[in-house]
PDB file of N, CA and C in Angstrom:
ATOM      1  N   UNK A   1       0.836  -1.182   0.000  1.00  0.00           N
ATOM      2  CA  UNK A   1       0.000   0.000   0.000  1.00  0.00           C
ATOM      3  C   UNK A   1       0.884   1.249   0.000  1.00  0.00           C
ATOM      4  N   UNK A   2       1.586   1.451  -1.090  1.00  0.00           N
ATOM      5  CA  UNK A   2       2.476   2.599  -1.203  1.00  0.00           C
ATOM      6  C   UNK A   2       1.680   3.809  -1.679  1.00  0.00           C
ATOM      7  N   UNK A   3       1.844   4.920  -1.067  1.00  0.00           N
ATOM      8  CA  UNK A   3       1.121   6.176  -1.304  1.00  0.00           C
ATOM      9  C   UNK A   3      -0.388   5.948  -1.449  1.00  0.00           C
ATOM     10  N   UNK A   4      -0.932   5.102  -0.598  1.00  0.00           N
ATOM     11  CA  UNK A   4      -2.367   4.784  -0.553  1.00  0.00           C
ATOM     12  C   UNK A   4      -2.884   4.208  -1.862  1.00  0.00           C
ATOM     13  N   UNK A   5      -2.033   3.502  -2.581  1.00  0.00           N
ATOM     14  CA  UNK A   5      -2.448   2.878  -3.830  1.00  0.00           C
ATOM     15  C   UNK A   5      -2.299   1.373  -3.703  1.00  0.00           C
ATOM     16  N   UNK A   6      -3.267   0.655  -4.208  1.00  0.00           N
ATOM     17  CA  UNK A   6      -3.204  -0.798  -4.181  1.00  0.00           C
ATOM     18  C   UNK A   6      -2.499  -1.308  -5.427  1.00  0.00           C
ATOM     19  N   UNK A   7      -2.757  -0.675  -6.563  1.00  0.00           N
ATOM     20  CA  UNK A   7      -2.230  -1.134  -7.838  1.00  0.00           C
ATOM     21  C   UNK A   7      -1.415  -0.017  -8.470  1.00  0.00           C
ATOM     22  N   UNK A   8      -0.141  -0.261  -8.739  1.00  0.00           N
ATOM     23  CA  UNK A   8       0.744   0.765  -9.291  1.00  0.00           C
ATOM     24  C   UNK A   8       0.971   0.579 -10.791  1.00  0.00           C
ATOM     25  N   UNK A   9       0.002   0.009 -11.495  1.00  0.00           N
ATOM     26  CA  UNK A   9       0.145  -0.234 -12.932  1.00  0.00           C
ATOM     27  C   UNK A   9       0.321   1.040 -13.731  1.00  0.00           C
ATOM     28  N   UNK A  10      -0.420   2.093 -13.390  1.00  0.00           N
ATOM     29  CA  UNK A  10      -0.302   3.359 -14.116  1.00  0.00           C
ATOM     30  C   UNK A  10       1.067   3.987 -13.872  1.00  0.00           C
ATOM     31  N   UNK A  11       1.574   3.904 -12.652  1.00  0.00           N
ATOM     32  CA  UNK A  11       2.906   4.435 -12.359  1.00  0.00           C
ATOM     33  C   UNK A  11       3.973   3.662 -13.124  1.00  0.00           C
ATOM     34  N   UNK A  12       3.818   2.341 -13.220  1.00  0.00           N
ATOM     35  CA  UNK A  12       4.771   1.521 -13.973  1.00  0.00           C
ATOM     36  C   UNK A  12       4.736   1.881 -15.455  1.00  0.00           C
ATOM     37  N   UNK A  13       3.549   2.110 -15.985  1.00  0.00           N
ATOM     38  CA  UNK A  13       3.422   2.494 -17.389  1.00  0.00           C
ATOM     39  C   UNK A  13       4.103   3.828 -17.647  1.00  0.00           C
ATOM     40  N   UNK A  14       3.878   4.792 -16.787  1.00  0.00           N
ATOM     41  CA  UNK A  14       4.518   6.105 -16.947  1.00  0.00           C
ATOM     42  C   UNK A  14       6.036   5.976 -16.816  1.00  0.00           C
ATOM     43  N   UNK A  15       6.506   5.074 -15.933  1.00  0.00           N
ATOM     44  CA  UNK A  15       7.940   4.849 -15.807  1.00  0.00           C
ATOM     45  C   UNK A  15       8.522   4.317 -17.120  1.00  0.00           C
ATOM     46  N   UNK A  16       7.842   3.354 -17.735  1.00  0.00           N
ATOM     47  CA  UNK A  16       8.320   2.814 -19.004  1.00  0.00           C
ATOM     48  C   UNK A  16       8.306   3.881 -20.099  1.00  0.00           C
ATOM     49  N   UNK A  17       7.265   4.710 -20.119  1.00  0.00           N
ATOM     50  CA  UNK A  17       7.192   5.807 -21.090  1.00  0.00           C
ATOM     51  C   UNK A  17       8.343   6.779 -20.867  1.00  0.00           C
ATOM     52  N   UNK A  18       8.650   7.087 -19.600  1.00  0.00           N
ATOM     53  CA  UNK A  18       9.744   8.012 -19.289  1.00  0.00           C
ATOM     54  C   UNK A  18      11.080   7.457 -19.781  1.00  0.00           C
ATOM     55  N   UNK A  19      11.359   6.193 -19.492  1.00  0.00           N
ATOM     56  CA  UNK A  19      12.632   5.588 -19.899  1.00  0.00           C
ATOM     57  C   UNK A  19      12.721   5.551 -21.422  1.00  0.00           C
ATOM     58  N   UNK A  20      11.631   5.164 -22.102  1.00  0.00           N
ATOM     59  CA  UNK A  20      11.646   5.137 -23.567  1.00  0.00           C
ATOM     60  C   UNK A  20      11.885   6.530 -24.125  1.00  0.00           C
ATOM     61  N   UNK A  21      11.218   7.511 -23.558  1.00  0.00           N
ATOM     62  CA  UNK A  21      11.340   8.869 -24.096  1.00  0.00           C
ATOM     63  C   UNK A  21      12.740   9.438 -23.879  1.00  0.00           C
ATOM     64  N   UNK A  22      13.389   9.080 -22.796  1.00  0.00           N
ATOM     65  CA  UNK A  22      14.754   9.561 -22.569  1.00  0.00           C
ATOM     66  C   UNK A  22      15.758   8.855 -23.467  1.00  0.00           C
ATOM     67  N   UNK A  23      15.481   7.598 -23.821  1.00  0.00           N
ATOM     68  CA  UNK A  23      16.393   6.860 -24.703  1.00  0.00           C
ATOM     69  C   UNK A  23      16.179   7.202 -26.173  1.00  0.00           C
ATOM     70  N   UNK A  24      15.088   7.855 -26.517  1.00  0.00           N
ATOM     71  CA  UNK A  24      14.787   8.251 -27.894  1.00  0.00           C
ATOM     72  C   UNK A  24      14.461   9.742 -27.952  1.00  0.00           C
ATOM     73  N   UNK A  25      15.438  10.602 -27.656  1.00  0.00           N
ATOM     74  CA  UNK A  25      15.129  12.028 -27.528  1.00  0.00           C
ATOM     75  C   UNK A  25      14.804  12.736 -28.842  1.00  0.00           C
ATOM     76  N   UNK A  26      15.164  12.165 -29.973  1.00  0.00           N
ATOM     77  CA  UNK A  26      14.949  12.875 -31.237  1.00  0.00           C
ATOM     78  C   UNK A  26      13.625  12.522 -31.907  1.00  0.00           C
ATOM     79  N   UNK A  27      12.838  11.641 -31.315  1.00  0.00           N
ATOM     80  CA  UNK A  27      11.562  11.245 -31.908  1.00  0.00           C
ATOM     81  C   UNK A  27      10.549  12.367 -31.730  1.00  0.00           C
ATOM     82  N   UNK A  28       9.896  12.731 -32.835  1.00  0.00           N
ATOM     83  CA  UNK A  28       8.850  13.757 -32.784  1.00  0.00           C
ATOM     84  C   UNK A  28       7.522  13.105 -32.435  1.00  0.00           C
ATOM     85  N   UNK A  29       6.783  13.730 -31.547  1.00  0.00           N
ATOM     86  CA  UNK A  29       5.501  13.195 -31.098  1.00  0.00           C
ATOM     87  C   UNK A  29       4.392  14.183 -31.465  1.00  0.00           C
ATOM     88  N   UNK A  30       3.178  13.652 -31.565  1.00  0.00           N
ATOM     89  CA  UNK A  30       2.011  14.457 -31.853  1.00  0.00           C
ATOM     90  C   UNK A  30       0.902  13.986 -30.919  1.00  0.00           C
ATOM     91  N   UNK A  31       0.343  14.889 -30.145  1.00  0.00           N
ATOM     92  CA  UNK A  31      -0.693  14.537 -29.176  1.00  0.00           C
ATOM     93  C   UNK A  31      -2.050  15.010 -29.687  1.00  0.00           C
ATOM     94  N   UNK A  32      -2.879  14.063 -30.129  1.00  0.00           N
ATOM     95  CA  UNK A  32      -4.221  14.325 -30.647  1.00  0.00           C
ATOM     96  C   UNK A  32      -4.232  15.341 -31.789  1.00  0.00           C
ATOM     97  N   UNK A  33      -3.137  15.462 -32.517  1.00  0.00           N
ATOM     98  CA  UNK A  33      -3.079  16.390 -33.633  1.00  0.00           C
ATOM     99  C   UNK A  33      -3.029  17.847 -33.231  1.00  0.00           C
ATOM    100  N   UNK A  34      -2.921  18.114 -31.942  1.00  0.00           N
ATOM    101  CA  UNK A  34      -2.930  19.497 -31.458  1.00  0.00           C
ATOM    102  C   UNK A  34      -1.567  19.987 -31.004  1.00  0.00           C
ATOM    103  N   UNK A  35      -0.760  19.084 -30.503  1.00  0.00           N
ATOM    104  CA  UNK A  35       0.477  19.483 -29.853  1.00  0.00           C
ATOM    105  C   UNK A  35       1.633  18.651 -30.393  1.00  0.00           C
ATOM    106  N   UNK A  36       2.636  19.324 -30.951  1.00  0.00           N
ATOM    107  CA  UNK A  36       3.837  18.648 -31.432  1.00  0.00           C
ATOM    108  C   UNK A  36       4.975  18.898 -30.451  1.00  0.00           C
ATOM    109  N   UNK A  37       5.728  17.836 -30.150  1.00  0.00           N
ATOM    110  CA  UNK A  37       6.818  17.957 -29.183  1.00  0.00           C
ATOM    111  C   UNK A  37       7.801  16.818 -29.392  1.00  0.00           C
ATOM    112  N   UNK A  38       8.955  16.924 -28.753  1.00  0.00           N
ATOM    113  CA  UNK A  38       9.969  15.876 -28.787  1.00  0.00           C
ATOM    114  C   UNK A  38       9.619  14.813 -27.736  1.00  0.00           C
ATOM    115  N   UNK A  39      10.115  13.596 -27.918  1.00  0.00           N
ATOM    116  CA  UNK A  39       9.790  12.466 -27.051  1.00  0.00           C
ATOM    117  C   UNK A  39      10.070  12.710 -25.564  1.00  0.00           C
ATOM    118  N   UNK A  40      11.159  13.403 -25.164  1.00  0.00           N
ATOM    119  CA  UNK A  40      11.383  13.569 -23.718  1.00  0.00           C
ATOM    120  C   UNK A  40      10.261  14.305 -22.975  1.00  0.00           C
ATOM    121  N   UNK A  41       9.394  14.983 -23.701  1.00  0.00           N
ATOM    122  CA  UNK A  41       8.282  15.698 -23.056  1.00  0.00           C
ATOM    123  C   UNK A  41       7.029  14.847 -22.926  1.00  0.00           C
ATOM    124  N   UNK A  42       7.019  13.627 -23.496  1.00  0.00           N
ATOM    125  CA  UNK A  42       5.819  12.799 -23.496  1.00  0.00           C
ATOM    126  C   UNK A  42       5.273  12.510 -22.091  1.00  0.00           C
ATOM    127  N   UNK A  43       6.099  12.109 -21.109  1.00  0.00           N
ATOM    128  CA  UNK A  43       5.520  11.856 -19.779  1.00  0.00           C
ATOM    129  C   UNK A  43       4.871  13.101 -19.175  1.00  0.00           C
ATOM    130  N   UNK A  44       5.456  14.252 -19.446  1.00  0.00           N
ATOM    131  CA  UNK A  44       4.912  15.493 -18.892  1.00  0.00           C
ATOM    132  C   UNK A  44       3.607  15.871 -19.587  1.00  0.00           C
ATOM    133  N   UNK A  45       3.526  15.611 -20.890  1.00  0.00           N
ATOM    134  CA  UNK A  45       2.283  15.867 -21.620  1.00  0.00           C
ATOM    135  C   UNK A  45       1.181  14.937 -21.112  1.00  0.00           C
ATOM    136  N   UNK A  46       1.510  13.666 -20.907  1.00  0.00           N
ATOM    137  CA  UNK A  46       0.520  12.724 -20.381  1.00  0.00           C
ATOM    138  C   UNK A  46       0.069  13.120 -18.973  1.00  0.00           C
ATOM    139  N   UNK A  47       1.010  13.612 -18.168  1.00  0.00           N
ATOM    140  CA  UNK A  47       0.649  14.058 -16.829  1.00  0.00           C
ATOM    141  C   UNK A  47      -0.265  15.284 -16.899  1.00  0.00           C
ATOM    142  N   UNK A  48       0.031  16.210 -17.804  1.00  0.00           N
ATOM    143  CA  UNK A  48      -0.827  17.381 -17.975  1.00  0.00           C
ATOM    144  C   UNK A  48      -2.220  17.001 -18.444  1.00  0.00           C
ATOM    145  N   UNK A  49      -2.302  16.014 -19.344  1.00  0.00           N
ATOM    146  CA  UNK A  49      -3.607  15.545 -19.806  1.00  0.00           C
ATOM    147  C   UNK A  49      -4.379  14.879 -18.671  1.00  0.00           C
ATOM    148  N   UNK A  50      -3.665  14.121 -17.852  1.00  0.00           N
ATOM    149  CA  UNK A  50      -4.293  13.488 -16.691  1.00  0.00           C
ATOM    150  C   UNK A  50      -4.838  14.553 -15.734  1.00  0.00           C
ATOM    151  N   UNK A  51      -4.060  15.610 -15.534  1.00  0.00           N
ATOM    152  CA  UNK A  51      -4.504  16.716 -14.685  1.00  0.00           C
ATOM    153  C   UNK A  51      -5.715  17.413 -15.291  1.00  0.00           C
ATOM    154  N   UNK A  52      -5.704  17.578 -16.621  1.00  0.00           N
ATOM    155  CA  UNK A  52      -6.814  18.209 -17.315  1.00  0.00           C
ATOM    156  C   UNK A  52      -8.101  17.400 -17.163  1.00  0.00           C
ATOM    157  N   UNK A  53      -7.974  16.079 -17.085  1.00  0.00           N
ATOM    158  CA  UNK A  53      -9.132  15.217 -16.897  1.00  0.00           C
ATOM    159  C   UNK A  53      -9.597  15.162 -15.449  1.00  0.00           C
ATOM    160  N   UNK A  54      -8.844  15.785 -14.550  1.00  0.00           N
ATOM    161  CA  UNK A  54      -9.244  15.839 -13.153  1.00  0.00           C
ATOM    162  C   UNK A  54      -8.701  14.709 -12.303  1.00  0.00           C
ATOM    163  N   UNK A  55      -7.766  13.946 -12.826  1.00  0.00           N
ATOM    164  CA  UNK A  55      -7.168  12.860 -12.055  1.00  0.00           C
ATOM    165  C   UNK A  55      -6.031  13.389 -11.193  1.00  0.00           C
ATOM    166  N   UNK A  56      -5.674  12.620 -10.203  1.00  0.00           N
ATOM    167  CA  UNK A  56      -4.544  12.978  -9.348  1.00  0.00           C
ATOM    168  C   UNK A  56      -3.246  12.724 -10.111  1.00  0.00           C
ATOM    169  N   UNK A  57      -2.310  13.638  -9.975  1.00  0.00           N
ATOM    170  CA  UNK A  57      -1.039  13.473 -10.698  1.00  0.00           C
ATOM    171  C   UNK A  57       0.029  12.807  -9.821  1.00  0.00           C
ATOM    172  N   UNK A  58      -0.319  12.405  -8.627  1.00  0.00           N
ATOM    173  CA  UNK A  58       0.638  11.754  -7.727  1.00  0.00           C
ATOM    174  C   UNK A  58       1.184  10.479  -8.362  1.00  0.00           C
ATOM    175  N   UNK A  59       0.318   9.697  -8.983  1.00  0.00           N
ATOM    176  CA  UNK A  59       0.745   8.443  -9.598  1.00  0.00           C
ATOM    177  C   UNK A  59       1.689   8.723 -10.755  1.00  0.00           C
ATOM    178  N   UNK A  60       1.368   9.737 -11.567  1.00  0.00           N
ATOM    179  CA  UNK A  60       2.233  10.097 -12.686  1.00  0.00           C
ATOM    180  C   UNK A  60       3.587  10.598 -12.192  1.00  0.00           C
ATOM    181  N   UNK A  61       3.575  11.423 -11.161  1.00  0.00           N
ATOM    182  CA  UNK A  61       4.840  11.927 -10.596  1.00  0.00           C
ATOM    183  C   UNK A  61       5.684  10.796 -10.019  1.00  0.00           C
ATOM    184  N   UNK A  62       5.025   9.827  -9.404  1.00  0.00           N
ATOM    185  CA  UNK A  62       5.735   8.669  -8.865  1.00  0.00           C
ATOM    186  C   UNK A  62       6.394   7.881  -9.992  1.00  0.00           C
ATOM    187  N   UNK A  63       5.666   7.646 -11.079  1.00  0.00           N
ATOM    188  CA  UNK A  63       6.225   6.932 -12.219  1.00  0.00           C
ATOM    189  C   UNK A  63       7.382   7.680 -12.855  1.00  0.00           C
ATOM    190  N   UNK A  64       7.258   8.995 -12.988  1.00  0.00           N
ATOM    191  CA  UNK A  64       8.337   9.804 -13.567  1.00  0.00           C
ATOM    192  C   UNK A  64       9.562   9.766 -12.659  1.00  0.00           C
ATOM    193  N   UNK A  65       9.361   9.856 -11.348  1.00  0.00           N
ATOM    194  CA  UNK A  65      10.499   9.827 -10.410  1.00  0.00           C
ATOM    195  C   UNK A  65      11.222   8.485 -10.465  1.00  0.00           C
ATOM    196  N   UNK A  66      10.478   7.385 -10.456  1.00  0.00           N
ATOM    197  CA  UNK A  66      11.112   6.062 -10.511  1.00  0.00           C
ATOM    198  C   UNK A  66      11.787   5.858 -11.860  1.00  0.00           C
ATOM    199  N   UNK A  67      11.152   6.319 -12.941  1.00  0.00           N
ATOM    200  CA  UNK A  67      11.760   6.226 -14.263  1.00  0.00           C
ATOM    201  C   UNK A  67      13.045   7.027 -14.343  1.00  0.00           C
ATOM    202  N   UNK A  68      13.058   8.198 -13.725  1.00  0.00           N
ATOM    203  CA  UNK A  68      14.269   9.024 -13.734  1.00  0.00           C
ATOM    204  C   UNK A  68      15.399   8.330 -12.966  1.00  0.00           C
ATOM    205  N   UNK A  69      15.083   7.770 -11.822  1.00  0.00           N
ATOM    206  CA  UNK A  69      16.107   7.053 -11.041  1.00  0.00           C
ATOM    207  C   UNK A  69      16.639   5.872 -11.841  1.00  0.00           C
ATOM    208  N   UNK A  70      15.751   5.102 -12.466  1.00  0.00           N
ATOM    209  CA  UNK A  70      16.191   3.950 -13.263  1.00  0.00           C
ATOM    210  C   UNK A  70      17.044   4.397 -14.445  1.00  0.00           C
ATOM    211  N   UNK A  71      16.596   5.427 -15.168  1.00  0.00           N
ATOM    212  CA  UNK A  71      17.355   5.919 -16.314  1.00  0.00           C
ATOM    213  C   UNK A  71      18.745   6.388 -15.887  1.00  0.00           C
ATOM    214  N   UNK A  72      18.814   7.103 -14.774  1.00  0.00           N
ATOM    215  CA  UNK A  72      20.103   7.591 -14.301  1.00  0.00           C
ATOM    216  C   UNK A  72      21.026   6.434 -13.936  1.00  0.00           C
ATOM    217  N   UNK A  73      20.515   5.463 -13.167  1.00  0.00           N
ATOM    218  CA  UNK A  73      21.366   4.355 -12.722  1.00  0.00           C
ATOM    219  C   UNK A  73      21.744   3.407 -13.858  1.00  0.00           C
ATOM    220  N   UNK A  74      20.927   3.298 -14.871  1.00  0.00           N
ATOM    221  CA  UNK A  74      21.184   2.347 -15.951  1.00  0.00           C
ATOM    222  C   UNK A  74      21.924   2.958 -17.138  1.00  0.00           C
ATOM    223  N   UNK A  75      21.640   4.223 -17.459  1.00  0.00           N
ATOM    224  CA  UNK A  75      22.189   4.811 -18.684  1.00  0.00           C
ATOM    225  C   UNK A  75      23.182   5.950 -18.459  1.00  0.00           C
ATOM    226  N   UNK A  76      23.070   6.683 -17.377  1.00  0.00           N
ATOM    227  CA  UNK A  76      23.920   7.854 -17.164  1.00  0.00           C
ATOM    228  C   UNK A  76      25.092   7.534 -16.234  1.00  0.00           C
ATOM    229  N   UNK A  77      24.798   7.011 -15.060  1.00  0.00           N
ATOM    230  CA  UNK A  77      25.826   6.797 -14.040  1.00  0.00           C
ATOM    231  C   UNK A  77      26.959   5.863 -14.473  1.00  0.00           C
ATOM    232  N   UNK A  78      26.693   4.752 -15.183  1.00  0.00           N
ATOM    233  CA  UNK A  78      27.810   3.873 -15.575  1.00  0.00           C
ATOM    234  C   UNK A  78      28.842   4.545 -16.484  1.00  0.00           C
ATOM    235  N   UNK A  79      28.450   5.591 -17.215  1.00  0.00           N
ATOM    236  CA  UNK A  79      29.378   6.278 -18.121  1.00  0.00           C
ATOM    237  C   UNK A  79      30.161   7.398 -17.444  1.00  0.00           C
ATOM    238  N   UNK A  80      29.854   7.698 -16.197  1.00  0.00           N
ATOM    239  CA  UNK A  80      30.551   8.759 -15.473  1.00  0.00           C
ATOM    240  C   UNK A  80      31.873   8.241 -14.921  1.00  0.00           C
ATOM    241  N   UNK A  81      32.877   9.117 -14.753  1.00  0.00           N
ATOM    242  CA  UNK A  81      34.127   8.673 -14.127  1.00  0.00           C
ATOM    243  C   UNK A  81      33.851   8.150 -12.714  1.00  0.00           C
ATOM    244  N   UNK A  82      34.307   6.965 -12.427  1.00  0.00           N
ATOM    245  CA  UNK A  82      34.080   6.344 -11.134  1.00  0.00           C
ATOM    246  C   UNK A  82      32.703   5.714 -11.004  1.00  0.00           C
ATOM    247  N   UNK A  83      31.923   5.753 -12.066  1.00  0.00           N
ATOM    248  CA  UNK A  83      30.578   5.185 -12.032  1.00  0.00           C
ATOM    249  C   UNK A  83      30.609   3.689 -12.274  1.00  0.00           C
ATOM    250  N   UNK A  84      29.525   3.073 -12.074  1.00  0.00           N
ATOM    251  CA  UNK A  84      29.417   1.640 -12.297  1.00  0.00           C
ATOM    252  C   UNK A  84      27.961   1.227 -12.328  1.00  0.00           C
ATOM    253  N   UNK A  85      27.744  -0.025 -12.605  1.00  0.00           N
ATOM    254  CA  UNK A  85      26.376  -0.555 -12.659  1.00  0.00           C
ATOM    255  C   UNK A  85      25.922  -0.958 -11.258  1.00  0.00           C
ATOM    256  N   UNK A  86      24.837  -0.361 -10.810  1.00  0.00           N
ATOM    257  CA  UNK A  86      24.269  -0.714  -9.521  1.00  0.00           C
ATOM    258  C   UNK A  86      23.109  -1.671  -9.682  1.00  0.00           C
ATOM    259  N   UNK A  87      22.475  -1.632 -10.833  1.00  0.00           N
ATOM    260  CA  UNK A  87      21.328  -2.498 -11.086  1.00  0.00           C
ATOM    261  C   UNK A  87      21.792  -3.699 -11.905  1.00  0.00           C
ATOM    262  N   UNK A  88      21.779  -4.850 -11.296  1.00  0.00           N
ATOM    263  CA  UNK A  88      22.192  -6.069 -11.976  1.00  0.00           C
ATOM    264  C   UNK A  88      21.055  -7.081 -11.902  1.00  0.00           C
ATOM    265  N   UNK A  89      20.926  -7.854 -12.974  1.00  0.00           N
ATOM    266  CA  UNK A  89      19.905  -8.904 -12.995  1.00  0.00           C
ATOM    267  C   UNK A  89      20.352 -10.035 -12.082  1.00  0.00           C
ATOM    268  N   UNK A  90      19.497 -10.484 -11.183  1.00  0.00           N
ATOM    269  CA  UNK A  90      19.869 -11.597 -10.301  1.00  0.00           C
ATOM    270  C   UNK A  90      20.202 -12.851 -11.112  1.00  0.00           C
ATOM    271  N   UNK A  91      21.177 -13.610 -10.619  1.00  0.00           N
ATOM    272  CA  UNK A  91      21.634 -14.814 -11.303  1.00  0.00           C
ATOM    273  C   UNK A  91      20.541 -15.836 -11.510  1.00  0.00           C
ATOM    274  N   UNK A  92      19.606 -15.924 -10.576  1.00  0.00           N
ATOM    275  CA  UNK A  92      18.513 -16.886 -10.689  1.00  0.00           C
ATOM    276  C   UNK A  92      17.650 -16.571 -11.916  1.00  0.00           C
ATOM    277  N   UNK A  93      17.391 -15.281 -12.175  1.00  0.00           N
ATOM    278  CA  UNK A  93      16.600 -14.902 -13.340  1.00  0.00           C
ATOM    279  C   UNK A  93      17.373 -15.154 -14.636  1.00  0.00           C
ATOM    280  N   UNK A  94      18.682 -14.902 -14.609  1.00  0.00           N
ATOM    281  CA  UNK A  94      19.496 -15.197 -15.789  1.00  0.00           C
ATOM    282  C   UNK A  94      19.486 -16.682 -16.102  1.00  0.00           C
ATOM    283  N   UNK A  95      19.589 -17.506 -15.071  1.00  0.00           N
ATOM    284  CA  UNK A  95      19.588 -18.956 -15.273  1.00  0.00           C
ATOM    285  C   UNK A  95      18.248 -19.432 -15.822  1.00  0.00           C
ATOM    286  N   UNK A  96      17.166 -18.802 -15.397  1.00  0.00           N
ATOM    287  CA  UNK A  96      15.843 -19.220 -15.859  1.00  0.00           C
ATOM    288  C   UNK A  96      15.525 -18.767 -17.280  1.00  0.00           C
ATOM    289  N   UNK A  97      15.923 -17.544 -17.636  1.00  0.00           N
ATOM    290  CA  UNK A  97      15.428 -16.953 -18.869  1.00  0.00           C
ATOM    291  C   UNK A  97      16.462 -16.738 -19.968  1.00  0.00           C
ATOM    292  N   UNK A  98      17.748 -16.809 -19.683  1.00  0.00           N
ATOM    293  CA  UNK A  98      18.741 -16.636 -20.739  1.00  0.00           C
ATOM    294  C   UNK A  98      18.691 -17.812 -21.699  1.00  0.00           C
ATOM    295  N   UNK A  99      18.936 -17.524 -22.958  1.00  0.00           N
ATOM    296  CA  UNK A  99      18.966 -18.599 -23.947  1.00  0.00           C
ATOM    297  C   UNK A  99      20.295 -19.335 -23.832  1.00  0.00           C
ATOM    298  N   UNK A 100      20.271 -20.637 -23.965  1.00  0.00           N
ATOM    299  CA  UNK A 100      21.531 -21.383 -23.861  1.00  0.00           C
ATOM    300  C   UNK A 100      22.445 -21.072 -25.041  1.00  0.00           C
ATOM    301  N   UNK A 101      23.742 -21.247 -24.818  1.00  0.00           N
ATOM    302  CA  UNK A 101      24.701 -21.002 -25.887  1.00  0.00           C
ATOM    303  C   UNK A 101      24.498 -22.035 -26.985  1.00  0.00           C
ATOM    304  N   UNK A 102      24.684 -21.586 -28.231  1.00  0.00           N
ATOM    305  CA  UNK A 102      24.477 -22.488 -29.355  1.00  0.00           C
ATOM    306  C   UNK A 102      25.653 -23.434 -29.496  1.00  0.00           C
ATOM    307  N   UNK A 103      25.346 -24.668 -29.833  1.00  0.00           N
ATOM    308  CA  UNK A 103      26.364 -25.691 -30.037  1.00  0.00           C
ATOM    309  C   UNK A 103      26.907 -25.559 -31.451  1.00  0.00           C
ATOM    310  N   UNK A 104      28.210 -25.381 -31.589  1.00  0.00           N
ATOM    311  CA  UNK A 104      28.842 -25.250 -32.897  1.00  0.00           C
ATOM    312  C   UNK A 104      28.773 -26.520 -33.718  1.00  0.00           C
ATOM    313  N   UNK A 105      28.617 -27.673 -33.081  1.00  0.00           N
ATOM    314  CA  UNK A 105      28.568 -28.950 -33.790  1.00  0.00           C
ATOM    315  C   UNK A 105      27.156 -29.371 -34.167  1.00  0.00           C
ATOM    316  N   UNK A 106      26.174 -28.524 -33.887  1.00  0.00           N
ATOM    317  CA  UNK A 106      24.781 -28.885 -34.161  1.00  0.00           C
ATOM    318  C   UNK A 106      24.532 -28.853 -35.659  1.00  0.00           C
ATOM    319  N   UNK A 107      23.965 -29.921 -36.189  1.00  0.00           N
ATOM    320  CA  UNK A 107      23.610 -30.008 -37.599  1.00  0.00           C
ATOM    321  C   UNK A 107      22.102 -30.250 -37.667  1.00  0.00           C
ATOM    322  N   UNK A 108      21.321 -29.247 -38.127  1.00  0.00           N
ATOM    323  CA  UNK A 108      19.867 -29.407 -38.133  1.00  0.00           C
ATOM    324  C   UNK A 108      19.413 -30.475 -39.118  1.00  0.00           C
ATOM    325  N   UNK A 109      18.304 -31.079 -38.800  1.00  0.00           N
ATOM    326  CA  UNK A 109      17.708 -32.062 -39.694  1.00  0.00           C
ATOM    327  C   UNK A 109      17.273 -31.377 -40.984  1.00  0.00           C
ATOM    328  N   UNK A 110      17.195 -32.118 -42.076  1.00  0.00           N
ATOM    329  CA  UNK A 110      16.798 -31.485 -43.347  1.00  0.00           C
ATOM    330  C   UNK A 110      15.452 -30.773 -43.273  1.00  0.00           C
ATOM    331  N   UNK A 111      14.511 -31.313 -42.497  1.00  0.00           N
ATOM    332  CA  UNK A 111      13.210 -30.645 -42.420  1.00  0.00           C
ATOM    333  C   UNK A 111      13.253 -29.359 -41.604  1.00  0.00           C
ATOM    334  N   UNK A 112      14.327 -29.114 -40.842  1.00  0.00           N
ATOM    335  CA  UNK A 112      14.462 -27.881 -40.074  1.00  0.00           C
ATOM    336  C   UNK A 112      15.127 -26.776 -40.884  1.00  0.00           C
ATOM    337  N   UNK A 113      15.736 -27.135 -42.019  1.00  0.00           N
ATOM    338  CA  UNK A 113      16.377 -26.134 -42.871  1.00  0.00           C
ATOM    339  C   UNK A 113      15.340 -25.527 -43.804  1.00  0.00           C
ATOM    340  N   UNK A 114      15.500 -24.252 -44.129  1.00  0.00           N
ATOM    341  CA  UNK A 114      14.534 -23.616 -45.046  1.00  0.00           C
ATOM    342  C   UNK A 114      14.551 -24.314 -46.402  1.00  0.00           C
ATOM    343  N   UNK A 115      13.429 -24.854 -46.812  1.00  0.00           N
ATOM    344  CA  UNK A 115      13.322 -25.526 -48.096  1.00  0.00           C
ATOM    345  C   UNK A 115      13.946 -26.903 -48.124  1.00  0.00           C
ATOM    346  N   UNK A 116      14.548 -27.337 -47.025  1.00  0.00           N
ATOM    347  CA  UNK A 116      15.184 -28.644 -46.980  1.00  0.00           C
ATOM    348  C   UNK A 116      16.518 -28.708 -47.661  1.00  0.00           C
ATOM    349  N   UNK A 117      17.050 -27.546 -48.111  1.00  0.00           N
ATOM    350  CA  UNK A 117      18.338 -27.530 -48.804  1.00  0.00           C
ATOM    351  C   UNK A 117      19.418 -26.981 -47.880  1.00  0.00           C
ATOM    352  N   UNK A 118      20.654 -27.418 -48.036  1.00  0.00           N
ATOM    353  CA  UNK A 118      21.743 -26.928 -47.179  1.00  0.00           C
ATOM    354  C   UNK A 118      22.223 -25.543 -47.613  1.00  0.00           C
ATOM    355  N   UNK A 119      21.435 -24.519 -47.358  1.00  0.00           N
ATOM    356  CA  UNK A 119      21.806 -23.171 -47.758  1.00  0.00           C
ATOM    357  C   UNK A 119      23.068 -22.737 -47.036  1.00  0.00           C
ATOM    358  N   UNK A 120      24.006 -22.210 -47.773  1.00  0.00           N
ATOM    359  CA  UNK A 120      25.247 -21.689 -47.179  1.00  0.00           C
ATOM    360  C   UNK A 120      26.168 -22.772 -46.652  1.00  0.00           C
ATOM    361  N   UNK A 121      25.895 -24.009 -46.933  1.00  0.00           N
ATOM    362  CA  UNK A 121      26.718 -25.073 -46.379  1.00  0.00           C
ATOM    363  C   UNK A 121      27.423 -25.880 -47.416  1.00  0.00           C
TER     364      UNK A 121
END
């Protein structure tokens, strides 16, 4: 029950929008054909629209703050002198979801090759 919210889905969505917009700063955006802006302003435009609709902007501000912290720790801080990666994927998740290394000696069956022919071989 963080900030009196049961479900933080909207904050998570705004966080993802913030990170995407910071990683793609040159993308031009258009909001309902009325407002043209660069991608880094998208979370702020969405927050303004939410405010215009009469919703609370606390959730949007929370998502923007968490997105900013994530963007800084993942994309900015590691490139600074003396910086490093603080956010690392736990080994258990890597073991579960990483694809195994390909075997160099693997020879696919003829039906697994495109058209059944040894292309490039």
